[in-house]
Protein backbone atom coordinates (compact mmCIF):
# COMPACT_ATOMS: atom_id res chain seq x y z
CA MET A 1 0.20 -0.18 -0.27
CA GLU A 2 1.45 3.24 -1.02
CA LYS A 3 1.52 5.22 1.86
CA TYR A 4 2.86 9.11 0.33
CA GLY A 5 5.53 9.17 3.06
CA TYR A 6 2.55 9.69 5.39
CA LYS A 7 2.03 7.59 9.03
CA PHE A 8 -1.35 7.07 10.28
CA SER A 9 -2.44 6.12 14.02
CA PHE A 10 -5.54 5.71 16.04
CA GLY A 11 -6.84 5.19 19.84
CA PRO A 12 -7.99 2.48 21.07
CA TRP A 13 -11.17 3.56 21.92
CA ASN A 14 -11.73 3.54 17.57
CA ILE A 15 -12.67 -0.01 17.98
CA HIS A 16 -15.51 0.00 20.28
CA GLU A 17 -18.66 -2.13 21.72
CA GLY A 18 -21.25 0.48 20.21
CA ALA A 19 -22.91 1.89 23.34
CA ASP A 20 -24.55 5.56 22.99
CA PRO A 21 -26.30 7.64 24.68
CA PHE A 22 -29.67 5.78 24.42
CA GLY A 23 -28.75 2.02 23.86
CA PRO A 24 -26.03 -0.39 26.11
CA PRO A 25 -22.68 -1.86 23.92
CA VAL A 26 -23.72 -3.97 21.22
CA ARG A 27 -20.41 -6.14 20.86
CA PRO A 28 -17.73 -7.43 22.47
CA THR A 29 -14.88 -6.00 24.42
CA VAL A 30 -12.11 -6.76 21.85
CA ALA A 31 -8.67 -7.08 23.97
CA PHE A 32 -6.06 -4.38 23.79
CA GLY A 33 -3.72 -6.53 22.11
CA ASP A 34 -5.84 -7.32 19.36
CA LYS A 35 -6.57 -3.84 18.82
CA LEU A 36 -3.37 -3.29 18.70
CA ALA A 37 -3.07 -6.25 16.15
CA THR A 38 -5.24 -4.67 13.94
CA LEU A 39 -3.68 -1.40 13.88
CA LYS A 40 -0.46 -3.36 12.48
CA GLU A 41 -2.59 -5.03 10.32
CA LEU A 42 -4.57 -2.68 8.53
CA GLY A 43 -1.05 -0.80 8.11
CA PHE A 44 -1.49 1.90 10.65
CA ASP A 45 1.82 3.15 12.36
CA ALA A 46 1.07 3.92 15.77
CA MET A 47 -1.32 4.35 18.63
CA GLN A 48 -3.18 7.37 20.12
CA PHE A 49 -3.17 6.92 24.18
CA HIS A 50 -5.24 8.37 27.21
CA ASP A 51 -3.48 7.66 30.01
CA ASP A 52 -5.64 4.84 31.54
CA ASP A 53 -5.33 3.08 27.65
CA ALA A 54 -1.52 2.91 28.89
CA VAL A 55 -1.81 2.29 32.55
CA PRO A 56 -5.42 1.07 33.77
CA ASP A 57 -6.63 2.49 37.11
CA LEU A 58 -3.62 4.75 37.53
CA ASP A 59 -4.88 7.29 39.81
CA ASN A 60 -4.66 4.18 42.61
CA LEU A 61 -1.10 3.12 41.81
CA SER A 62 2.51 4.28 42.72
CA ALA A 63 5.06 5.96 40.80
CA ALA A 64 7.03 2.82 40.10
CA GLU A 65 3.92 0.85 39.56
CA ILE A 66 2.82 3.41 36.93
CA LYS A 67 6.23 3.07 35.29
CA ARG A 68 6.32 -0.30 35.10
CA GLN A 69 2.96 -1.20 33.44
CA ALA A 70 3.75 1.88 30.96
CA GLU A 71 7.03 0.27 30.12
CA ALA A 72 5.29 -2.88 29.47
CA MET A 73 3.23 -1.45 27.30
CA LYS A 74 6.24 0.14 25.37
CA ARG A 75 7.34 -3.54 24.66
CA MET A 76 4.31 -4.62 23.18
CA LEU A 77 4.49 -1.56 21.04
CA ASP A 78 8.45 -2.39 20.22
CA ASP A 79 7.09 -6.13 19.63
CA LEU A 80 4.73 -5.20 16.75
CA GLY A 81 7.19 -2.31 15.07
CA LEU A 82 4.51 0.19 16.05
CA VAL A 83 4.96 3.62 18.59
CA ALA A 84 3.03 5.92 20.42
CA GLU A 85 2.22 8.88 18.90
CA PHE A 86 0.85 10.76 21.88
CA VAL A 87 -0.83 10.28 25.44
CA ALA A 88 -3.80 12.24 26.61
CA PRO A 89 -5.18 12.96 30.63
CA ARG A 90 -8.32 11.00 30.49
CA LEU A 91 -9.70 14.15 32.87
CA TRP A 92 -14.01 13.58 32.18
CA GLU A 93 -14.46 10.71 33.57
CA HIS A 94 -13.70 11.01 37.36
CA PRO A 95 -16.57 11.35 40.03
CA MET A 96 -14.42 15.07 41.02
CA THR A 97 -14.33 16.13 37.54
CA ILE A 98 -18.13 16.48 36.95
CA ASP A 99 -17.79 20.27 37.44
CA GLY A 100 -14.50 20.76 35.11
CA ALA A 101 -10.66 20.15 35.82
CA PHE A 102 -8.16 22.70 35.72
CA THR A 103 -11.24 24.96 35.58
CA ALA A 104 -13.16 23.47 38.61
CA ASN A 105 -14.79 25.72 41.17
CA ASP A 106 -13.04 23.65 43.85
CA PRO A 107 -9.28 23.51 44.14
CA ALA A 108 -8.90 20.20 45.55
CA VAL A 109 -10.70 19.42 41.97
CA ARG A 110 -7.86 21.49 39.94
CA ALA A 111 -5.28 20.07 42.42
CA TYR A 112 -6.21 16.45 41.32
CA ALA A 113 -6.18 17.32 37.63
CA LEU A 114 -2.87 18.09 37.28
CA GLU A 115 -1.32 15.47 39.27
CA ARG A 116 -2.65 13.22 37.23
CA THR A 117 -1.78 15.46 33.64
CA LYS A 118 1.98 14.78 35.74
CA LYS A 119 1.36 11.40 35.61
CA THR A 120 0.28 11.62 32.06
CA ALA A 121 3.51 13.20 31.43
CA ASP A 122 5.27 10.45 32.68
CA ILE A 123 3.52 7.74 30.87
CA ALA A 124 4.01 9.93 27.68
CA ARG A 125 7.59 9.77 28.61
CA TYR A 126 7.86 6.17 29.09
CA LEU A 127 6.28 5.38 26.23
CA GLY A 128 8.94 7.17 24.34
CA THR A 129 6.78 10.41 22.96
CA ASP A 130 7.08 13.63 23.95
CA LEU A 131 3.46 14.75 22.89
CA MET A 132 0.12 15.29 24.86
CA VAL A 133 -2.80 16.30 23.87
CA LEU A 134 -5.11 18.30 25.74
CA TRP A 135 -9.07 17.99 24.67
CA LEU A 136 -10.37 20.09 27.42
CA ALA A 137 -13.55 18.03 27.89
CA ARG A 138 -15.34 19.81 31.03
CA GLU A 139 -13.47 23.06 30.53
CA GLY A 140 -16.94 25.01 29.92
CA THR A 141 -20.63 25.25 31.71
CA TYR A 142 -24.29 24.69 30.67
CA LEU A 143 -24.86 27.89 32.75
CA ARG A 144 -22.36 31.07 32.08
CA GLU A 145 -23.03 32.08 35.10
CA ALA A 146 -21.97 29.13 36.84
CA LYS A 147 -18.21 30.28 36.49
CA ASP A 148 -15.97 33.46 36.15
CA ALA A 149 -14.78 32.90 32.15
CA VAL A 150 -11.52 35.14 32.92
CA ARG A 151 -10.52 33.54 36.21
CA ALA A 152 -11.57 30.17 34.41
CA THR A 153 -8.83 30.90 30.96
CA HIS A 154 -6.18 31.88 33.58
CA GLN A 155 -6.67 28.35 35.17
CA LEU A 156 -6.11 27.25 32.04
CA LEU A 157 -2.77 28.58 31.16
CA GLU A 158 -1.49 28.15 34.63
CA ALA A 159 -2.34 24.07 34.15
CA ILE A 160 -0.11 24.37 30.53
CA ASP A 161 2.52 26.58 32.18
CA ALA A 162 3.11 24.03 35.17
CA LEU A 163 3.18 21.27 33.36
CA LEU A 164 5.10 23.13 30.49
CA GLU A 165 7.55 23.43 33.87
CA TYR A 166 7.28 20.08 34.95
CA ASP A 167 8.77 18.43 32.14
CA PRO A 168 10.97 20.36 29.85
CA ALA A 169 10.45 17.48 26.76
CA LEU A 170 6.82 17.86 27.13
CA ARG A 171 5.03 19.12 23.90
CA ILE A 172 2.10 20.06 24.81
CA ILE A 173 -0.93 20.07 21.73
CA ILE A 174 -4.18 21.51 22.41
CA GLU A 175 -7.44 19.84 20.99
CA PRO A 176 -10.12 22.44 20.48
CA LYS A 177 -14.11 21.93 20.62
CA PRO A 178 -17.13 23.91 20.96
CA ASN A 179 -19.23 21.78 23.03
CA GLU A 180 -19.97 18.26 24.27
CA PRO A 181 -19.96 17.24 26.55
CA MET A 182 -20.85 20.69 27.91
CA ASP A 183 -23.06 22.87 26.87
CA LEU A 184 -20.42 25.72 25.84
CA ALA A 185 -16.82 25.22 25.80
CA TYR A 186 -13.85 27.16 26.39
CA ILE A 187 -11.34 26.69 23.86
CA PRO A 188 -13.82 25.81 20.46
CA THR A 189 -11.95 26.84 18.02
CA MET A 190 -8.49 26.88 16.26
CA GLY A 191 -7.58 30.26 16.96
CA HIS A 192 -8.68 30.26 20.70
CA ALA A 193 -6.43 27.32 20.94
CA LEU A 194 -3.31 29.10 19.51
CA ALA A 195 -4.02 32.19 21.77
CA LEU A 196 -3.79 30.27 24.52
CA GLY A 197 -0.44 28.16 23.52
CA MET A 198 1.32 31.77 22.58
CA GLN A 199 0.61 32.86 25.84
CA SER A 200 2.33 29.93 27.50
CA ARG A 201 6.09 29.75 29.33
CA ASP A 202 7.02 28.44 26.39
CA PRO A 203 4.64 29.04 23.28
CA SER A 204 7.13 26.92 21.03
CA ARG A 205 6.11 23.74 23.41
CA VAL A 206 2.34 24.18 22.99
CA GLY A 207 1.02 23.56 19.06
CA ALA A 208 -2.73 22.40 18.29
CA LEU A 209 -5.09 19.30 17.10
CA VAL A 210 -7.82 19.92 14.58
CA GLU A 211 -10.41 17.28 14.72
CA SER A 212 -12.53 17.27 11.69
CA ALA A 213 -15.96 17.16 12.98
CA HIS A 214 -15.00 19.46 15.87
CA ALA A 215 -14.44 22.14 13.54
CA VAL A 216 -17.88 21.39 11.65
CA LEU A 217 -19.63 21.33 15.28
CA ALA A 218 -18.32 24.93 15.51
CA GLY A 219 -19.72 26.50 12.07
CA LEU A 220 -16.09 25.70 10.40
CA ASP A 221 -14.96 24.40 7.65
CA PRO A 222 -11.81 21.95 8.79
CA ALA A 223 -9.76 22.60 6.01
CA ASP A 224 -9.47 26.70 7.07
CA GLU A 225 -9.09 25.65 10.63
CA MET A 226 -5.97 23.18 9.77
CA SER A 227 -4.89 25.80 7.23
CA PHE A 228 -4.68 28.74 10.07
CA ALA A 229 -2.84 26.36 12.32
CA LEU A 230 -0.73 25.77 9.71
CA ALA A 231 0.32 29.24 9.18
CA PHE A 232 1.75 29.24 12.36
CA GLY A 233 3.65 26.31 12.08
CA LYS A 234 1.21 24.66 14.51
CA LEU A 235 -0.57 22.31 13.56
CA TRP A 236 1.13 18.84 15.08
CA SER A 237 -1.49 17.10 14.55
CA VAL A 238 -4.74 15.72 13.37
CA HIS A 239 -7.82 13.69 14.00
CA LEU A 240 -9.80 13.17 10.77
CA ASN A 241 -13.62 12.11 10.40
CA ASP A 242 -17.01 13.42 9.33
CA GLN A 243 -19.89 15.04 10.39
CA ASN A 244 -23.45 15.15 9.26
CA GLY A 245 -24.33 18.72 10.44
CA LEU A 246 -24.28 19.99 13.72
CA LYS A 247 -25.45 17.43 15.96
CA PHE A 248 -23.58 15.46 18.23
CA ASP A 249 -20.04 14.51 17.44
CA GLN A 250 -20.64 11.57 15.15
CA ASP A 251 -16.65 10.59 14.36
CA ARG A 252 -18.50 9.03 10.86
CA SER A 253 -15.32 7.75 8.32
CA PHE A 254 -13.40 10.23 6.30
CA GLY A 255 -14.99 11.63 3.35
CA SER A 256 -17.87 9.38 4.25
CA VAL A 257 -20.46 12.69 4.53
CA ASP A 258 -18.71 15.14 2.23
CA LEU A 259 -15.99 14.28 -0.19
CA ARG A 260 -15.41 17.74 -1.05
CA ARG A 261 -14.60 18.64 2.22
CA ALA A 262 -12.38 15.46 2.95
CA PHE A 263 -10.33 16.73 -0.39
CA ASN A 264 -9.73 20.15 0.94
CA GLN A 265 -8.71 18.96 4.47
CA VAL A 266 -5.87 16.59 2.65
CA ARG A 267 -5.07 19.11 -0.12
CA VAL A 268 -3.89 21.68 2.66
CA LEU A 269 -2.22 18.94 4.70
CA GLU A 270 -0.36 17.61 1.39
CA GLU A 271 0.66 21.51 0.17
CA ASN A 272 1.73 22.32 3.18
CA ASN A 273 4.43 18.92 3.37
CA PHE A 274 1.80 17.71 7.24
CA ARG A 275 3.50 14.51 6.76
CA GLU A 276 6.85 16.41 7.45
CA VAL A 277 5.52 17.29 11.18
CA GLY A 278 2.57 14.49 12.29
CA MET A 279 1.27 11.74 11.72
CA VAL A 280 -2.60 11.60 10.35
CA GLY A 281 -4.99 10.51 13.26
CA LEU A 282 -7.96 8.72 12.58
CA ASP A 283 -10.71 9.22 15.29
CA VAL A 284 -13.80 7.42 13.43
CA LYS A 285 -16.28 4.93 14.50
CA ALA A 286 -17.62 1.91 13.41
CA LEU A 287 -21.86 2.72 13.37
CA ARG A 288 -23.85 0.99 15.93
CA THR A 289 -25.05 -1.47 13.51
CA GLN A 290 -21.94 -2.71 12.33
CA PRO A 291 -21.67 -6.61 13.04
CA ALA A 292 -18.69 -7.24 15.64
CA GLU A 293 -16.88 -9.04 13.38
CA LEU A 294 -17.14 -6.47 10.25
CA ALA A 295 -16.57 -3.33 12.82
CA THR A 296 -13.05 -2.30 12.01
CA LYS A 297 -13.88 -1.05 8.24
CA HIS A 298 -14.34 2.10 9.33
CA LEU A 299 -10.73 2.58 10.02
CA ARG A 300 -9.64 0.74 6.30
CA ASN A 301 -11.95 2.76 4.58
CA SER A 302 -10.95 6.31 6.24
CA LEU A 303 -7.49 5.22 5.01
CA ARG A 304 -8.02 4.03 2.05
CA VAL A 305 -9.99 7.59 1.44
CA PHE A 306 -7.41 9.74 2.50
CA LEU A 307 -4.60 7.84 0.23
CA ARG A 308 -7.14 7.63 -2.57
CA LEU A 309 -7.35 12.14 -1.82
CA VAL A 310 -3.74 12.49 -2.17
CA ALA A 311 -3.45 11.00 -5.58
CA VAL A 312 -5.73 13.06 -6.59
CA VAL A 313 -4.32 16.45 -5.20
CA ARG A 314 -1.50 15.02 -6.56
CA SER A 315 -2.53 14.95 -9.71
CA LEU A 316 -4.05 18.05 -10.36
CA ASP A 317 -2.29 20.34 -13.18
CA LYS A 318 -1.00 22.80 -10.74
CA THR A 319 -0.08 25.37 -13.21
CA ARG A 320 -3.66 25.23 -14.49
CA ILE A 321 -5.01 26.33 -10.89
CA ASP A 322 -2.79 28.70 -10.98
CA GLU A 323 -4.25 30.48 -14.46
CA LEU A 324 -7.80 29.73 -13.08
CA ARG A 325 -7.22 31.76 -10.05
CA GLN A 326 -5.36 35.07 -11.98
CA ALA A 327 -8.61 34.92 -14.19
CA ARG A 328 -10.96 34.20 -11.57
CA ASP A 329 -12.37 32.04 -13.24
CA TYR A 330 -13.85 29.74 -10.34
CA GLU A 331 -16.60 28.06 -12.52
CA GLU A 332 -14.01 26.08 -14.32
CA LEU A 333 -11.71 25.51 -10.93
CA ASP A 334 -14.74 23.69 -9.90
CA TRP A 335 -14.90 21.77 -12.42
CA LEU A 336 -11.63 20.81 -12.39
CA VAL A 337 -11.77 19.84 -8.81
CA LEU A 338 -15.13 17.84 -9.56
CA ASP A 339 -13.84 16.41 -12.10
CA ALA A 340 -11.41 14.92 -10.73
CA LEU A 341 -13.11 13.44 -7.70
CA MET A 342 -15.74 11.94 -9.75
CA LYS A 343 -12.98 9.99 -11.93
CA ASN A 344 -12.55 6.36 -11.14
CA GLU A 345 -9.38 4.98 -11.84
């Protein structure tokens, strides 16, 4: 399989049981080792991790036990020729973090969140990656009067600064999302993420991750969000998927809803040599109706679509595109793109 110089990752949550807010699991749990084997078989290069994917129940473990389990996971990756792309703290499921983590009104919760995330940094180091993704899931409110948003912004910055100080080799990637699970989130867009990072104690170590569906949920185009971060050298990872309108976060297979929108995401990544900067992460989930034995085709399809679109981008006549731009003949440019997408080679 020609991968055009790109490396790909997904997370263990992308092979899942099919539960949703309206119904229980419909597929059996897949062992982590089997997920790693599937990742390898499908042609992926790296696994994305939450901290407790690598070290389950880490809140109840000593530092030595965390190190031992993380190093054992690293050996599993090594044995399969895989790597960890990043590790992210799972701060939104603990009973203490109902009201947020870094922005909770309770100082004891904020202290817990910081200590938990320092453990995440340790796990990342043991797994051989310097990347930590911060998806600030519950950093927001259901009603605006519940928190002081100015203070909350400073609390987020204080947490980032503390993490940068804790591990001088750590790089932090902020993943924006406008809502869900909170009604309104404090870091909803790429601009918010980059602004926060630029105020940190070491802006060179804070970048961003764009998830396609999150941009759509904010009413924005994922390719433009990627381009904004690329313009400042701050796009360090992506989570590609698709989204059918302004609904809940669907994590549909990449390109399955809007192929033109997918094309433009691949185009900006390809034209800006993203393959030299970071991995292409796929954050996609199987449809709940998919049988267990067929519940990895969403990953296969997403990878195939990305690679097919890379070929389309590389096939385009760049000189002709420049000519059409200069002539402002955007209808002809539109046809050029549509024609390329509709060809079946």
